[in-house]
PDB file of N, CA and C in Angstrom:
ATOM      1  N   MET A   1       2.908  19.108 -14.365  1.00  0.00           N
ATOM      2  CA  MET A   1       2.592  19.402 -12.980  1.00  0.00           C
ATOM      3  C   MET A   1       1.445  18.496 -12.528  1.00  0.00           C
ATOM      4  N   ASN A   2       1.580  17.979 -11.335  1.00  0.00           N
ATOM      5  CA  ASN A   2       0.535  17.119 -10.783  1.00  0.00           C
ATOM      6  C   ASN A   2      -0.569  17.946 -10.162  1.00  0.00           C
ATOM      7  N   THR A   3      -1.771  17.430 -10.281  1.00  0.00           N
ATOM      8  CA  THR A   3      -2.866  18.036  -9.543  1.00  0.00           C
ATOM      9  C   THR A   3      -2.873  17.400  -8.159  1.00  0.00           C
ATOM     10  N   ALA A   4      -3.385  18.117  -7.194  1.00  0.00           N
ATOM     11  CA  ALA A   4      -3.448  17.585  -5.834  1.00  0.00           C
ATOM     12  C   ALA A   4      -4.390  16.381  -5.807  1.00  0.00           C
ATOM     13  N   LEU A   5      -4.003  15.375  -5.052  1.00  0.00           N
ATOM     14  CA  LEU A   5      -4.861  14.197  -4.922  1.00  0.00           C
ATOM     15  C   LEU A   5      -6.000  14.478  -3.953  1.00  0.00           C
ATOM     16  N   THR A   6      -7.169  13.990  -4.293  1.00  0.00           N
ATOM     17  CA  THR A   6      -8.321  14.094  -3.399  1.00  0.00           C
ATOM     18  C   THR A   6      -8.346  12.885  -2.474  1.00  0.00           C
ATOM     19  N   ARG A   7      -9.229  12.894  -1.492  1.00  0.00           N
ATOM     20  CA  ARG A   7      -9.393  11.728  -0.614  1.00  0.00           C
ATOM     21  C   ARG A   7      -9.764  10.498  -1.421  1.00  0.00           C
ATOM     22  N   SER A   8     -10.594  10.690  -2.416  1.00  0.00           N
ATOM     23  CA  SER A   8     -10.996   9.587  -3.283  1.00  0.00           C
ATOM     24  C   SER A   8      -9.789   9.006  -4.032  1.00  0.00           C
ATOM     25  N   ASP A   9      -8.896   9.858  -4.491  1.00  0.00           N
ATOM     26  CA  ASP A   9      -7.683   9.394  -5.174  1.00  0.00           C
ATOM     27  C   ASP A   9      -6.806   8.569  -4.229  1.00  0.00           C
ATOM     28  N   ILE A  10      -6.668   9.026  -3.004  1.00  0.00           N
ATOM     29  CA  ILE A  10      -5.848   8.300  -2.027  1.00  0.00           C
ATOM     30  C   ILE A  10      -6.495   6.957  -1.698  1.00  0.00           C
ATOM     31  N   ARG A  11      -7.827   6.930  -1.587  1.00  0.00           N
ATOM     32  CA  ARG A  11      -8.526   5.648  -1.388  1.00  0.00           C
ATOM     33  C   ARG A  11      -8.311   4.718  -2.573  1.00  0.00           C
ATOM     34  N   THR A  12      -8.301   5.272  -3.772  1.00  0.00           N
ATOM     35  CA  THR A  12      -8.050   4.465  -4.968  1.00  0.00           C
ATOM     36  C   THR A  12      -6.646   3.860  -4.915  1.00  0.00           C
ATOM     37  N   MET A  13      -5.656   4.654  -4.509  1.00  0.00           N
ATOM     38  CA  MET A  13      -4.295   4.139  -4.378  1.00  0.00           C
ATOM     39  C   MET A  13      -4.241   3.029  -3.324  1.00  0.00           C
ATOM     40  N   ALA A  14      -4.918   3.227  -2.205  1.00  0.00           N
ATOM     41  CA  ALA A  14      -4.940   2.213  -1.147  1.00  0.00           C
ATOM     42  C   ALA A  14      -5.632   0.944  -1.644  1.00  0.00           C
ATOM     43  N   ARG A  15      -6.700   1.094  -2.403  1.00  0.00           N
ATOM     44  CA  ARG A  15      -7.415  -0.068  -2.941  1.00  0.00           C
ATOM     45  C   ARG A  15      -6.533  -0.833  -3.935  1.00  0.00           C
ATOM     46  N   LYS A  16      -5.783  -0.112  -4.783  1.00  0.00           N
ATOM     47  CA  LYS A  16      -4.857  -0.762  -5.715  1.00  0.00           C
ATOM     48  C   LYS A  16      -3.793  -1.556  -4.942  1.00  0.00           C
ATOM     49  N   ALA A  17      -3.264  -0.952  -3.879  1.00  0.00           N
ATOM     50  CA  ALA A  17      -2.245  -1.629  -3.072  1.00  0.00           C
ATOM     51  C   ALA A  17      -2.829  -2.854  -2.378  1.00  0.00           C
ATOM     52  N   ALA A  18      -4.002  -2.708  -1.790  1.00  0.00           N
ATOM     53  CA  ALA A  18      -4.647  -3.828  -1.096  1.00  0.00           C
ATOM     54  C   ALA A  18      -4.956  -4.958  -2.075  1.00  0.00           C
ATOM     55  N   ASP A  19      -5.408  -4.621  -3.270  1.00  0.00           N
ATOM     56  CA  ASP A  19      -5.684  -5.638  -4.283  1.00  0.00           C
ATOM     57  C   ASP A  19      -4.406  -6.373  -4.671  1.00  0.00           C
ATOM     58  N   TYR A  20      -3.314  -5.637  -4.839  1.00  0.00           N
ATOM     59  CA  TYR A  20      -2.051  -6.283  -5.188  1.00  0.00           C
ATOM     60  C   TYR A  20      -1.644  -7.278  -4.098  1.00  0.00           C
ATOM     61  N   ILE A  21      -1.709  -6.842  -2.850  1.00  0.00           N
ATOM     62  CA  ILE A  21      -1.328  -7.725  -1.745  1.00  0.00           C
ATOM     63  C   ILE A  21      -2.244  -8.941  -1.688  1.00  0.00           C
ATOM     64  N   THR A  22      -3.541  -8.729  -1.848  1.00  0.00           N
ATOM     65  CA  THR A  22      -4.507  -9.828  -1.793  1.00  0.00           C
ATOM     66  C   THR A  22      -4.247 -10.865  -2.877  1.00  0.00           C
ATOM     67  N   PHE A  23      -3.972 -10.424  -4.086  1.00  0.00           N
ATOM     68  CA  PHE A  23      -3.873 -11.347  -5.209  1.00  0.00           C
ATOM     69  C   PHE A  23      -2.459 -11.817  -5.525  1.00  0.00           C
ATOM     70  N   HIS A  24      -1.427 -11.195  -4.919  1.00  0.00           N
ATOM     71  CA  HIS A  24      -0.054 -11.575  -5.245  1.00  0.00           C
ATOM     72  C   HIS A  24       0.791 -11.954  -4.037  1.00  0.00           C
ATOM     73  N   CYS A  25       0.259 -11.916  -2.850  1.00  0.00           N
ATOM     74  CA  CYS A  25       1.057 -12.099  -1.639  1.00  0.00           C
ATOM     75  C   CYS A  25       1.733 -13.468  -1.592  1.00  0.00           C
ATOM     76  N   ASP A  26       0.995 -14.541  -1.646  1.00  0.00           N
ATOM     77  CA  ASP A  26       1.536 -15.904  -1.653  1.00  0.00           C
ATOM     78  C   ASP A  26       2.540 -16.185  -0.531  1.00  0.00           C
ATOM     79  N   GLY A  27       2.427 -15.497   0.585  1.00  0.00           N
ATOM     80  CA  GLY A  27       3.299 -15.757   1.730  1.00  0.00           C
ATOM     81  C   GLY A  27       4.694 -15.187   1.617  1.00  0.00           C
ATOM     82  N   ILE A  28       4.944 -14.374   0.602  1.00  0.00           N
ATOM     83  CA  ILE A  28       6.271 -13.809   0.382  1.00  0.00           C
ATOM     84  C   ILE A  28       6.240 -12.322   0.720  1.00  0.00           C
ATOM     85  N   SER A  29       7.201 -11.861   1.509  1.00  0.00           N
ATOM     86  CA  SER A  29       7.331 -10.439   1.805  1.00  0.00           C
ATOM     87  C   SER A  29       8.051  -9.773   0.634  1.00  0.00           C
ATOM     88  N   GLU A  30       7.533  -8.649   0.182  1.00  0.00           N
ATOM     89  CA  GLU A  30       8.141  -7.960  -0.955  1.00  0.00           C
ATOM     90  C   GLU A  30       7.696  -6.509  -1.005  1.00  0.00           C
ATOM     91  N   GLY A  31       8.167  -5.804  -2.004  1.00  0.00           N
ATOM     92  CA  GLY A  31       7.745  -4.437  -2.257  1.00  0.00           C
ATOM     93  C   GLY A  31       7.237  -4.329  -3.686  1.00  0.00           C
ATOM     94  N   PHE A  32       6.414  -3.329  -3.950  1.00  0.00           N
ATOM     95  CA  PHE A  32       5.876  -3.115  -5.287  1.00  0.00           C
ATOM     96  C   PHE A  32       5.513  -1.651  -5.452  1.00  0.00           C
ATOM     97  N   GLU A  33       5.329  -1.235  -6.693  1.00  0.00           N
ATOM     98  CA  GLU A  33       4.941   0.138  -7.003  1.00  0.00           C
ATOM     99  C   GLU A  33       3.543   0.176  -7.586  1.00  0.00           C
ATOM    100  N   ILE A  34       2.832   1.244  -7.259  1.00  0.00           N
ATOM    101  CA  ILE A  34       1.559   1.533  -7.914  1.00  0.00           C
ATOM    102  C   ILE A  34       1.619   2.984  -8.379  1.00  0.00           C
ATOM    103  N   THR A  35       0.875   3.302  -9.413  1.00  0.00           N
ATOM    104  CA  THR A  35       0.820   4.677  -9.904  1.00  0.00           C
ATOM    105  C   THR A  35      -0.627   5.123  -9.982  1.00  0.00           C
ATOM    106  N   HIS A  36      -0.817   6.416  -9.792  1.00  0.00           N
ATOM    107  CA  HIS A  36      -2.151   7.001  -9.910  1.00  0.00           C
ATOM    108  C   HIS A  36      -1.998   8.499 -10.130  1.00  0.00           C
ATOM    109  N   LYS A  37      -2.537   8.984 -11.239  1.00  0.00           N
ATOM    110  CA  LYS A  37      -2.545  10.414 -11.573  1.00  0.00           C
ATOM    111  C   LYS A  37      -1.166  11.066 -11.442  1.00  0.00           C
ATOM    112  N   GLY A  38      -0.142  10.388 -11.916  1.00  0.00           N
ATOM    113  CA  GLY A  38       1.207  10.945 -11.897  1.00  0.00           C
ATOM    114  C   GLY A  38       1.958  10.748 -10.599  1.00  0.00           C
ATOM    115  N   TYR A  39       1.354  10.154  -9.614  1.00  0.00           N
ATOM    116  CA  TYR A  39       2.011   9.860  -8.343  1.00  0.00           C
ATOM    117  C   TYR A  39       2.453   8.404  -8.349  1.00  0.00           C
ATOM    118  N   ILE A  40       3.601   8.142  -7.742  1.00  0.00           N
ATOM    119  CA  ILE A  40       4.124   6.782  -7.619  1.00  0.00           C
ATOM    120  C   ILE A  40       4.235   6.461  -6.134  1.00  0.00           C
ATOM    121  N   ALA A  41       3.711   5.302  -5.756  1.00  0.00           N
ATOM    122  CA  ALA A  41       3.814   4.842  -4.368  1.00  0.00           C
ATOM    123  C   ALA A  41       4.593   3.531  -4.353  1.00  0.00           C
ATOM    124  N   PHE A  42       5.559   3.435  -3.450  1.00  0.00           N
ATOM    125  CA  PHE A  42       6.264   2.176  -3.232  1.00  0.00           C
ATOM    126  C   PHE A  42       5.756   1.616  -1.908  1.00  0.00           C
ATOM    127  N   ILE A  43       5.233   0.405  -1.965  1.00  0.00           N
ATOM    128  CA  ILE A  43       4.660  -0.257  -0.799  1.00  0.00           C
ATOM    129  C   ILE A  43       5.522  -1.473  -0.473  1.00  0.00           C
ATOM    130  N   ASP A  44       6.013  -1.557   0.745  1.00  0.00           N
ATOM    131  CA  ASP A  44       6.792  -2.696   1.205  1.00  0.00           C
ATOM    132  C   ASP A  44       5.959  -3.397   2.266  1.00  0.00           C
ATOM    133  N   TYR A  45       5.786  -4.707   2.130  1.00  0.00           N
ATOM    134  CA  TYR A  45       4.977  -5.411   3.122  1.00  0.00           C
ATOM    135  C   TYR A  45       5.635  -6.712   3.554  1.00  0.00           C
ATOM    136  N   GLU A  46       5.256  -7.138   4.738  1.00  0.00           N
ATOM    137  CA  GLU A  46       5.747  -8.387   5.302  1.00  0.00           C
ATOM    138  C   GLU A  46       4.574  -9.348   5.432  1.00  0.00           C
ATOM    139  N   ALA A  47       4.730 -10.535   4.897  1.00  0.00           N
ATOM    140  CA  ALA A  47       3.687 -11.558   4.970  1.00  0.00           C
ATOM    141  C   ALA A  47       3.985 -12.494   6.138  1.00  0.00           C
ATOM    142  N   LYS A  48       2.959 -12.786   6.939  1.00  0.00           N
ATOM    143  CA  LYS A  48       3.108 -13.696   8.078  1.00  0.00           C
ATOM    144  C   LYS A  48       1.921 -14.633   8.123  1.00  0.00           C
ATOM    145  N   GLU A  49       2.174 -15.860   8.532  1.00  0.00           N
ATOM    146  CA  GLU A  49       1.083 -16.800   8.752  1.00  0.00           C
ATOM    147  C   GLU A  49       0.713 -16.762  10.227  1.00  0.00           C
ATOM    148  N   CYS A  50      -0.579 -16.676  10.515  1.00  0.00           N
ATOM    149  CA  CYS A  50      -1.083 -16.601  11.878  1.00  0.00           C
ATOM    150  C   CYS A  50      -2.304 -17.501  12.012  1.00  0.00           C
ATOM    151  N   SER A  51      -2.646 -17.831  13.237  1.00  0.00           N
ATOM    152  CA  SER A  51      -3.874 -18.583  13.499  1.00  0.00           C
ATOM    153  C   SER A  51      -4.949 -17.606  13.935  1.00  0.00           C
ATOM    154  N   ASP A  52      -6.145 -17.776  13.405  1.00  0.00           N
ATOM    155  CA  ASP A  52      -7.249 -16.936  13.836  1.00  0.00           C
ATOM    156  C   ASP A  52      -7.945 -17.595  15.026  1.00  0.00           C
ATOM    157  N   GLU A  53      -9.065 -17.028  15.469  1.00  0.00           N
ATOM    158  CA  GLU A  53      -9.762 -17.534  16.665  1.00  0.00           C
ATOM    159  C   GLU A  53     -10.286 -18.950  16.500  1.00  0.00           C
ATOM    160  N   ARG A  54     -10.453 -19.417  15.273  1.00  0.00           N
ATOM    161  CA  ARG A  54     -10.903 -20.788  15.024  1.00  0.00           C
ATOM    162  C   ARG A  54      -9.722 -21.729  14.828  1.00  0.00           C
ATOM    163  N   GLN A  55      -8.512 -21.199  15.017  1.00  0.00           N
ATOM    164  CA  GLN A  55      -7.276 -21.953  14.825  1.00  0.00           C
ATOM    165  C   GLN A  55      -7.011 -22.301  13.368  1.00  0.00           C
ATOM    166  N   ASP A  56      -7.650 -21.574  12.455  1.00  0.00           N
ATOM    167  CA  ASP A  56      -7.347 -21.733  11.032  1.00  0.00           C
ATOM    168  C   ASP A  56      -6.103 -20.919  10.722  1.00  0.00           C
ATOM    169  N   LEU A  57      -5.287 -21.424   9.836  1.00  0.00           N
ATOM    170  CA  LEU A  57      -4.091 -20.709   9.430  1.00  0.00           C
ATOM    171  C   LEU A  57      -4.468 -19.652   8.401  1.00  0.00           C
ATOM    172  N   VAL A  58      -4.134 -18.405   8.668  1.00  0.00           N
ATOM    173  CA  VAL A  58      -4.438 -17.311   7.742  1.00  0.00           C
ATOM    174  C   VAL A  58      -3.157 -16.556   7.429  1.00  0.00           C
ATOM    175  N   LEU A  59      -3.127 -15.903   6.283  1.00  0.00           N
ATOM    176  CA  LEU A  59      -1.985 -15.109   5.869  1.00  0.00           C
ATOM    177  C   LEU A  59      -2.285 -13.643   6.144  1.00  0.00           C
ATOM    178  N   VAL A  60      -1.376 -12.980   6.835  1.00  0.00           N
ATOM    179  CA  VAL A  60      -1.549 -11.573   7.193  1.00  0.00           C
ATOM    180  C   VAL A  60      -0.390 -10.788   6.595  1.00  0.00           C
ATOM    181  N   ALA A  61      -0.685  -9.640   6.018  1.00  0.00           N
ATOM    182  CA  ALA A  61       0.366  -8.783   5.463  1.00  0.00           C
ATOM    183  C   ALA A  61       0.390  -7.471   6.232  1.00  0.00           C
ATOM    184  N   ALA A  62       1.563  -7.099   6.716  1.00  0.00           N
ATOM    185  CA  ALA A  62       1.739  -5.825   7.408  1.00  0.00           C
ATOM    186  C   ALA A  62       2.522  -4.885   6.498  1.00  0.00           C
ATOM    187  N   VAL A  63       1.995  -3.707   6.261  1.00  0.00           N
ATOM    188  CA  VAL A  63       2.641  -2.727   5.381  1.00  0.00           C
ATOM    189  C   VAL A  63       3.591  -1.878   6.206  1.00  0.00           C
ATOM    190  N   TRP A  64       4.810  -1.715   5.674  1.00  0.00           N
ATOM    191  CA  TRP A  64       5.844  -0.925   6.350  1.00  0.00           C
ATOM    192  C   TRP A  64       6.117   0.355   5.577  1.00  0.00           C
ATOM    193  N   ASP A  65       5.926   1.478   6.190  1.00  0.00           N
ATOM    194  CA  ASP A  65       6.329   2.793   5.686  1.00  0.00           C
ATOM    195  C   ASP A  65       6.252   2.968   4.164  1.00  0.00           C
ATOM    196  N   PRO A  66       5.060   3.108   3.620  1.00  0.00           N
ATOM    197  CA  PRO A  66       4.987   3.369   2.179  1.00  0.00           C
ATOM    198  C   PRO A  66       5.617   4.728   1.859  1.00  0.00           C
ATOM    199  N   ALA A  67       6.127   4.865   0.663  1.00  0.00           N
ATOM    200  CA  ALA A  67       6.706   6.134   0.204  1.00  0.00           C
ATOM    201  C   ALA A  67       5.956   6.558  -1.052  1.00  0.00           C
ATOM    202  N   VAL A  68       5.719   7.869  -1.177  1.00  0.00           N
ATOM    203  CA  VAL A  68       4.985   8.396  -2.340  1.00  0.00           C
ATOM    204  C   VAL A  68       5.748   9.596  -2.895  1.00  0.00           C
ATOM    205  N   TRP A  69       5.854   9.629  -4.240  1.00  0.00           N
ATOM    206  CA  TRP A  69       6.495  10.742  -4.931  1.00  0.00           C
ATOM    207  C   TRP A  69       5.568  11.263  -6.016  1.00  0.00           C
ATOM    208  N   ASP A  70       5.668  12.571  -6.274  1.00  0.00           N
ATOM    209  CA  ASP A  70       4.902  13.128  -7.389  1.00  0.00           C
ATOM    210  C   ASP A  70       5.733  13.026  -8.662  1.00  0.00           C
ATOM    211  N   ARG A  71       5.195  13.480  -9.773  1.00  0.00           N
ATOM    212  CA  ARG A  71       5.866  13.360 -11.066  1.00  0.00           C
ATOM    213  C   ARG A  71       7.218  14.077 -11.086  1.00  0.00           C
ATOM    214  N   ALA A  72       7.359  15.132 -10.313  1.00  0.00           N
ATOM    215  CA  ALA A  72       8.610  15.890 -10.255  1.00  0.00           C
ATOM    216  C   ALA A  72       9.639  15.242  -9.331  1.00  0.00           C
ATOM    217  N   GLY A  73       9.277  14.133  -8.690  1.00  0.00           N
ATOM    218  CA  GLY A  73      10.207  13.439  -7.804  1.00  0.00           C
ATOM    219  C   GLY A  73      10.199  13.937  -6.363  1.00  0.00           C
ATOM    220  N   ARG A  74       9.263  14.803  -6.043  1.00  0.00           N
ATOM    221  CA  ARG A  74       9.158  15.301  -4.665  1.00  0.00           C
ATOM    222  C   ARG A  74       8.421  14.283  -3.805  1.00  0.00           C
ATOM    223  N   GLU A  75       8.949  14.031  -2.616  1.00  0.00           N
ATOM    224  CA  GLU A  75       8.309  13.098  -1.705  1.00  0.00           C
ATOM    225  C   GLU A  75       7.033  13.713  -1.125  1.00  0.00           C
ATOM    226  N   CYS A  76       6.024  12.887  -0.913  1.00  0.00           N
ATOM    227  CA  CYS A  76       4.723  13.332  -0.400  1.00  0.00           C
ATOM    228  C   CYS A  76       4.405  12.564   0.884  1.00  0.00           C
ATOM    229  N   PRO A  77       4.991  12.965   2.010  1.00  0.00           N
ATOM    230  CA  PRO A  77       4.818  12.201   3.246  1.00  0.00           C
ATOM    231  C   PRO A  77       3.381  12.165   3.764  1.00  0.00           C
ATOM    232  N   GLU A  78       2.591  13.191   3.478  1.00  0.00           N
ATOM    233  CA  GLU A  78       1.211  13.202   3.968  1.00  0.00           C
ATOM    234  C   GLU A  78       0.369  12.132   3.265  1.00  0.00           C
ATOM    235  N   ILE A  79       0.637  11.905   1.990  1.00  0.00           N
ATOM    236  CA  ILE A  79      -0.074  10.852   1.260  1.00  0.00           C
ATOM    237  C   ILE A  79       0.412   9.483   1.728  1.00  0.00           C
ATOM    238  N   ALA A  80       1.714   9.351   1.941  1.00  0.00           N
ATOM    239  CA  ALA A  80       2.267   8.087   2.437  1.00  0.00           C
ATOM    240  C   ALA A  80       1.675   7.731   3.801  1.00  0.00           C
ATOM    241  N   GLU A  81       1.530   8.721   4.668  1.00  0.00           N
ATOM    242  CA  GLU A  81       0.950   8.482   5.988  1.00  0.00           C
ATOM    243  C   GLU A  81      -0.512   8.034   5.877  1.00  0.00           C
ATOM    244  N   ALA A  82      -1.253   8.658   4.985  1.00  0.00           N
ATOM    245  CA  ALA A  82      -2.648   8.261   4.785  1.00  0.00           C
ATOM    246  C   ALA A  82      -2.732   6.827   4.267  1.00  0.00           C
ATOM    247  N   LEU A  83      -1.856   6.450   3.340  1.00  0.00           N
ATOM    248  CA  LEU A  83      -1.841   5.077   2.833  1.00  0.00           C
ATOM    249  C   LEU A  83      -1.523   4.088   3.952  1.00  0.00           C
ATOM    250  N   GLN A  84      -0.557   4.447   4.786  1.00  0.00           N
ATOM    251  CA  GLN A  84      -0.182   3.585   5.905  1.00  0.00           C
ATOM    252  C   GLN A  84      -1.390   3.313   6.795  1.00  0.00           C
ATOM    253  N   LEU A  85      -2.136   4.347   7.113  1.00  0.00           N
ATOM    254  CA  LEU A  85      -3.312   4.183   7.965  1.00  0.00           C
ATOM    255  C   LEU A  85      -4.388   3.332   7.294  1.00  0.00           C
ATOM    256  N   MET A  86      -4.579   3.522   6.013  1.00  0.00           N
ATOM    257  CA  MET A  86      -5.617   2.779   5.297  1.00  0.00           C
ATOM    258  C   MET A  86      -5.260   1.306   5.097  1.00  0.00           C
ATOM    259  N   LEU A  87      -3.975   1.006   4.996  1.00  0.00           N
ATOM    260  CA  LEU A  87      -3.558  -0.358   4.682  1.00  0.00           C
ATOM    261  C   LEU A  87      -3.320  -1.245   5.894  1.00  0.00           C
ATOM    262  N   ASN A  88      -3.140  -0.682   7.053  1.00  0.00           N
ATOM    263  CA  ASN A  88      -2.916  -1.509   8.256  1.00  0.00           C
ATOM    264  C   ASN A  88      -4.117  -1.504   9.155  1.00  0.00           C
TER     265      ASN A  88
END
């Protein structure tokens, strides 16, 4: 049985996802999984190149509808929604 995730746990999941995108993005849109305390999150993101205010080319990743499941396979939409807010 999973224990309920705290706000700190959800921030940890968001930080793991953000780190993955930062270090593995390379301009390719993809999906990946992260795990934390028996929960699995699938994060799908789209990578885009954009110009910033200085006209430098920067890479931006937009996260699309993350999904989260607990160890029993039950979907956790409230955690997925929190991740969505933290990642975009």
